[in-house]
Amino acid sequence: MRTPDSVISAGAWMLEHGHRAMLALTGGRWPRRVLGMTPVELHTTGRKSGQRRSTMLTAPICEAGLVVLVASKGGHSENPDWYRNLVAEPQVELTIDGELRPMVARTASPEEKAELWPRITAAYKGYDGYQRSTDRDIPVVMCTPR
């Protein structure tokens, strides 16, 4: 059964602004984990506006040389704007634990996604449900240091 887009949008709004507020209030010290994942702030360049855009996300894989993001949008039928922005301009920045990190983002190949997917869903089982609830192939994004 598909979740209505309005419910997904409301949940995403609450998650986004709740993360941002708590990180701001605690100077980036809390929360360290959200749903078993690392909270990150992704900074992209707007593909239409050219302006800096920031989005709070969770990273199911967050290692020294690799941060993985999942463009699930809660199983929505369209890719999230942040994903479309980084496809247009892959030079991004991530704020993790209060540290700004320049990164290069790219969509994982089908083989890379298949290899990463078990680790992603081990961190958060909800991604399997999101993939089942949409007809699109949810992109997995690999961010590496520049």
C-alpha atoms as a PDB file:
ATOM      1  CA  MET A   1       0.000   0.000   0.000  1.00  0.00           C
ATOM      2  CA  ARG A   2       1.375   3.401  -0.978  1.00  0.00           C
ATOM      3  CA  THR A   3       1.733   6.146   1.603  1.00  0.00           C
ATOM      4  CA  PRO A   4       0.099   9.432   0.501  1.00  0.00           C
ATOM      5  CA  ASP A   5       2.660  11.985  -0.705  1.00  0.00           C
ATOM      6  CA  SER A   6       1.258  14.563   1.750  1.00  0.00           C
ATOM      7  CA  VAL A   7       2.089  12.275   4.698  1.00  0.00           C
ATOM      8  CA  ILE A   8       5.604  11.673   3.374  1.00  0.00           C
ATOM      9  CA  SER A   9       6.106  15.418   2.883  1.00  0.00           C
ATOM     10  CA  ALA A  10       4.904  16.236   6.424  1.00  0.00           C
ATOM     11  CA  GLY A  11       7.132  13.546   7.932  1.00  0.00           C
ATOM     12  CA  ALA A  12      10.135  14.725   5.938  1.00  0.00           C
ATOM     13  CA  TRP A  13       9.504  18.323   7.007  1.00  0.00           C
ATOM     14  CA  MET A  14       9.364  17.339  10.681  1.00  0.00           C
ATOM     15  CA  LEU A  15      12.496  15.198  10.400  1.00  0.00           C
ATOM     16  CA  GLU A  16      14.395  17.919   8.520  1.00  0.00           C
ATOM     17  CA  HIS A  17      13.506  20.775  10.852  1.00  0.00           C
ATOM     18  CA  GLY A  18      13.661  18.673  14.012  1.00  0.00           C
ATOM     19  CA  HIS A  19      17.210  17.542  13.182  1.00  0.00           C
ATOM     20  CA  ARG A  20      18.303  21.050  12.303  1.00  0.00           C
ATOM     21  CA  ALA A  21      16.796  22.553  15.486  1.00  0.00           C
ATOM     22  CA  MET A  22      18.357  19.959  17.803  1.00  0.00           C
ATOM     23  CA  LEU A  23      21.761  20.264  16.171  1.00  0.00           C
ATOM     24  CA  ALA A  24      21.577  24.061  16.413  1.00  0.00           C
ATOM     25  CA  LEU A  25      20.494  23.982  20.062  1.00  0.00           C
ATOM     26  CA  THR A  26      23.271  21.574  21.061  1.00  0.00           C
ATOM     27  CA  GLY A  27      26.046  23.051  18.915  1.00  0.00           C
ATOM     28  CA  GLY A  28      26.080  19.956  16.699  1.00  0.00           C
ATOM     29  CA  ARG A  29      26.562  17.592  19.654  1.00  0.00           C
ATOM     30  CA  TRP A  30      23.148  15.895  19.545  1.00  0.00           C
ATOM     31  CA  PRO A  31      21.724  13.797  18.046  1.00  0.00           C
ATOM     32  CA  ARG A  32      24.733  11.649  17.142  1.00  0.00           C
ATOM     33  CA  ARG A  33      22.498   8.893  15.747  1.00  0.00           C
ATOM     34  CA  VAL A  34      19.014   9.035  14.223  1.00  0.00           C
ATOM     35  CA  LEU A  35      17.230   5.771  13.467  1.00  0.00           C
ATOM     36  CA  GLY A  36      20.614   4.030  13.745  1.00  0.00           C
ATOM     37  CA  MET A  37      22.262   6.358  11.213  1.00  0.00           C
ATOM     38  CA  THR A  38      24.542   9.388  11.312  1.00  0.00           C
ATOM     39  CA  PRO A  39      22.767  12.734  10.810  1.00  0.00           C
ATOM     40  CA  VAL A  40      24.418  14.829   8.107  1.00  0.00           C
ATOM     41  CA  GLU A  41      23.695  18.185   6.543  1.00  0.00           C
ATOM     42  CA  LEU A  42      24.122  18.094   2.775  1.00  0.00           C
ATOM     43  CA  HIS A  43      25.025  21.353   1.026  1.00  0.00           C
ATOM     44  CA  THR A  44      24.360  21.449  -2.718  1.00  0.00           C
ATOM     45  CA  THR A  45      24.127  24.114  -5.393  1.00  0.00           C
ATOM     46  CA  GLY A  46      20.597  24.672  -6.684  1.00  0.00           C
ATOM     47  CA  ARG A  47      20.411  23.440 -10.271  1.00  0.00           C
ATOM     48  CA  LYS A  48      18.103  26.297 -11.269  1.00  0.00           C
ATOM     49  CA  SER A  49      18.946  29.071  -8.816  1.00  0.00           C
ATOM     50  CA  GLY A  50      22.683  28.487  -8.427  1.00  0.00           C
ATOM     51  CA  GLN A  51      22.217  29.204  -4.714  1.00  0.00           C
ATOM     52  CA  ARG A  52      23.485  27.100  -1.838  1.00  0.00           C
ATOM     53  CA  ARG A  53      20.868  24.640  -0.581  1.00  0.00           C
ATOM     54  CA  SER A  54      21.113  22.654   2.651  1.00  0.00           C
ATOM     55  CA  THR A  55      19.208  19.533   3.624  1.00  0.00           C
ATOM     56  CA  MET A  56      19.309  17.406   6.762  1.00  0.00           C
ATOM     57  CA  LEU A  57      19.661  13.702   5.979  1.00  0.00           C
ATOM     58  CA  THR A  58      20.773  10.489   7.610  1.00  0.00           C
ATOM     59  CA  ALA A  59      23.699   8.431   6.334  1.00  0.00           C
ATOM     60  CA  PRO A  60      23.383   4.663   6.736  1.00  0.00           C
ATOM     61  CA  ILE A  61      27.097   4.349   5.958  1.00  0.00           C
ATOM     62  CA  CYS A  62      29.453   7.027   7.272  1.00  0.00           C
ATOM     63  CA  GLU A  63      33.124   6.113   7.097  1.00  0.00           C
ATOM     64  CA  ALA A  64      36.323   8.136   6.725  1.00  0.00           C
ATOM     65  CA  GLY A  65      36.438   7.836   2.921  1.00  0.00           C
ATOM     66  CA  LEU A  66      32.797   7.185   2.107  1.00  0.00           C
ATOM     67  CA  VAL A  67      29.438   8.626   3.103  1.00  0.00           C
ATOM     68  CA  VAL A  68      26.381   6.965   1.589  1.00  0.00           C
ATOM     69  CA  LEU A  69      23.066   8.778   1.189  1.00  0.00           C
ATOM     70  CA  VAL A  70      19.807   7.254  -0.003  1.00  0.00           C
ATOM     71  CA  ALA A  71      17.531   9.406  -2.181  1.00  0.00           C
ATOM     72  CA  SER A  72      14.427   7.635  -0.882  1.00  0.00           C
ATOM     73  CA  LYS A  73      12.187  10.622  -0.139  1.00  0.00           C
ATOM     74  CA  GLY A  74      10.205   8.156   1.958  1.00  0.00           C
ATOM     75  CA  GLY A  75       9.214   6.141  -1.113  1.00  0.00           C
ATOM     76  CA  HIS A  76       7.825   9.182  -2.971  1.00  0.00           C
ATOM     77  CA  SER A  77       7.313   8.779  -6.712  1.00  0.00           C
ATOM     78  CA  GLU A  78       9.912  11.472  -7.552  1.00  0.00           C
ATOM     79  CA  ASN A  79      13.546  11.916  -6.626  1.00  0.00           C
ATOM     80  CA  PRO A  80      14.222  14.546  -3.954  1.00  0.00           C
ATOM     81  CA  ASP A  81      15.399  18.008  -5.030  1.00  0.00           C
ATOM     82  CA  TRP A  82      18.711  17.570  -3.204  1.00  0.00           C
ATOM     83  CA  TYR A  83      19.445  14.554  -5.395  1.00  0.00           C
ATOM     84  CA  ARG A  84      18.626  16.411  -8.617  1.00  0.00           C
ATOM     85  CA  ASN A  85      20.881  19.243  -7.443  1.00  0.00           C
ATOM     86  CA  LEU A  86      23.888  17.003  -6.801  1.00  0.00           C
ATOM     87  CA  VAL A  87      23.433  15.224 -10.119  1.00  0.00           C
ATOM     88  CA  ALA A  88      23.670  18.638 -11.829  1.00  0.00           C
ATOM     89  CA  GLU A  89      26.616  19.736  -9.619  1.00  0.00           C
ATOM     90  CA  PRO A  90      28.413  16.870  -7.859  1.00  0.00           C
ATOM     91  CA  GLN A  91      30.768  19.136  -5.868  1.00  0.00           C
ATOM     92  CA  VAL A  92      28.971  19.115  -2.505  1.00  0.00           C
ATOM     93  CA  GLU A  93      29.747  19.652   1.151  1.00  0.00           C
ATOM     94  CA  LEU A  94      28.619  17.597   4.125  1.00  0.00           C
ATOM     95  CA  THR A  95      28.488  18.787   7.706  1.00  0.00           C
ATOM     96  CA  ILE A  96      29.070  15.825  10.004  1.00  0.00           C
ATOM     97  CA  ASP A  97      29.533  16.253  13.764  1.00  0.00           C
ATOM     98  CA  GLY A  98      29.925  19.997  13.207  1.00  0.00           C
ATOM     99  CA  GLU A  99      32.753  19.551  10.670  1.00  0.00           C
ATOM    100  CA  LEU A 100      32.311  20.811   7.080  1.00  0.00           C
ATOM    101  CA  ARG A 101      33.707  18.313   4.568  1.00  0.00           C
ATOM    102  CA  PRO A 102      34.132  19.023   0.824  1.00  0.00           C
ATOM    103  CA  MET A 103      32.958  15.966  -1.100  1.00  0.00           C
ATOM    104  CA  VAL A 104      32.197  14.692  -4.584  1.00  0.00           C
ATOM    105  CA  ALA A 105      28.859  12.910  -4.963  1.00  0.00           C
ATOM    106  CA  ARG A 106      27.882  10.348  -7.550  1.00  0.00           C
ATOM    107  CA  THR A 107      25.086   7.864  -8.039  1.00  0.00           C
ATOM    108  CA  ALA A 108      26.144   4.307  -7.325  1.00  0.00           C
ATOM    109  CA  SER A 109      26.088   1.962 -10.289  1.00  0.00           C
ATOM    110  CA  PRO A 110      23.552  -0.882 -10.154  1.00  0.00           C
ATOM    111  CA  GLU A 111      26.364  -3.231  -9.074  1.00  0.00           C
ATOM    112  CA  GLU A 112      27.572  -0.853  -6.356  1.00  0.00           C
ATOM    113  CA  LYS A 113      24.010  -0.366  -5.109  1.00  0.00           C
ATOM    114  CA  ALA A 114      23.477  -4.137  -4.952  1.00  0.00           C
ATOM    115  CA  GLU A 115      26.676  -4.458  -2.917  1.00  0.00           C
ATOM    116  CA  LEU A 116      25.792  -1.577  -0.551  1.00  0.00           C
ATOM    117  CA  TRP A 117      22.057  -2.324  -0.145  1.00  0.00           C
ATOM    118  CA  PRO A 118      22.429  -5.028   2.559  1.00  0.00           C
ATOM    119  CA  ARG A 119      24.541  -2.626   4.669  1.00  0.00           C
ATOM    120  CA  ILE A 120      22.071   0.197   4.051  1.00  0.00           C
ATOM    121  CA  THR A 121      19.056  -1.843   5.109  1.00  0.00           C
ATOM    122  CA  ALA A 122      20.955  -3.281   8.084  1.00  0.00           C
ATOM    123  CA  ALA A 123      21.317   0.327   9.296  1.00  0.00           C
ATOM    124  CA  TYR A 124      17.649   1.149   8.585  1.00  0.00           C
ATOM    125  CA  LYS A 125      15.164  -1.505   7.473  1.00  0.00           C
ATOM    126  CA  GLY A 126      12.703   1.153   6.293  1.00  0.00           C
ATOM    127  CA  TYR A 127      14.611   1.618   3.030  1.00  0.00           C
ATOM    128  CA  ASP A 128      13.346  -1.760   1.794  1.00  0.00           C
ATOM    129  CA  GLY A 129       9.771  -0.602   2.370  1.00  0.00           C
ATOM    130  CA  TYR A 130      10.432   2.689   0.603  1.00  0.00           C
ATOM    131  CA  GLN A 131      11.802   0.820  -2.432  1.00  0.00           C
ATOM    132  CA  ARG A 132       8.765  -1.480  -2.505  1.00  0.00           C
ATOM    133  CA  SER A 133       6.349   1.455  -2.277  1.00  0.00           C
ATOM    134  CA  THR A 134       7.623   3.254  -5.373  1.00  0.00           C
ATOM    135  CA  ASP A 135       8.060   2.392  -9.039  1.00  0.00           C
ATOM    136  CA  ARG A 136      11.328   4.333  -9.313  1.00  0.00           C
ATOM    137  CA  ASP A 137      14.699   2.826  -8.537  1.00  0.00           C
ATOM    138  CA  ILE A 138      15.784   4.717  -5.421  1.00  0.00           C
ATOM    139  CA  PRO A 139      19.243   6.170  -6.049  1.00  0.00           C
ATOM    140  CA  VAL A 140      22.106   5.465  -3.688  1.00  0.00           C
ATOM    141  CA  VAL A 141      24.641   8.293  -3.541  1.00  0.00           C
ATOM    142  CA  MET A 142      28.309   7.754  -2.779  1.00  0.00           C
ATOM    143  CA  CYS A 143      30.144  10.798  -1.397  1.00  0.00           C
ATOM    144  CA  THR A 144      33.935  10.754  -1.277  1.00  0.00           C
ATOM    145  CA  PRO A 145      36.399  13.434  -0.125  1.00  0.00           C
ATOM    146  CA  ARG A 146      37.630  15.952  -2.696  1.00  0.00           C
END
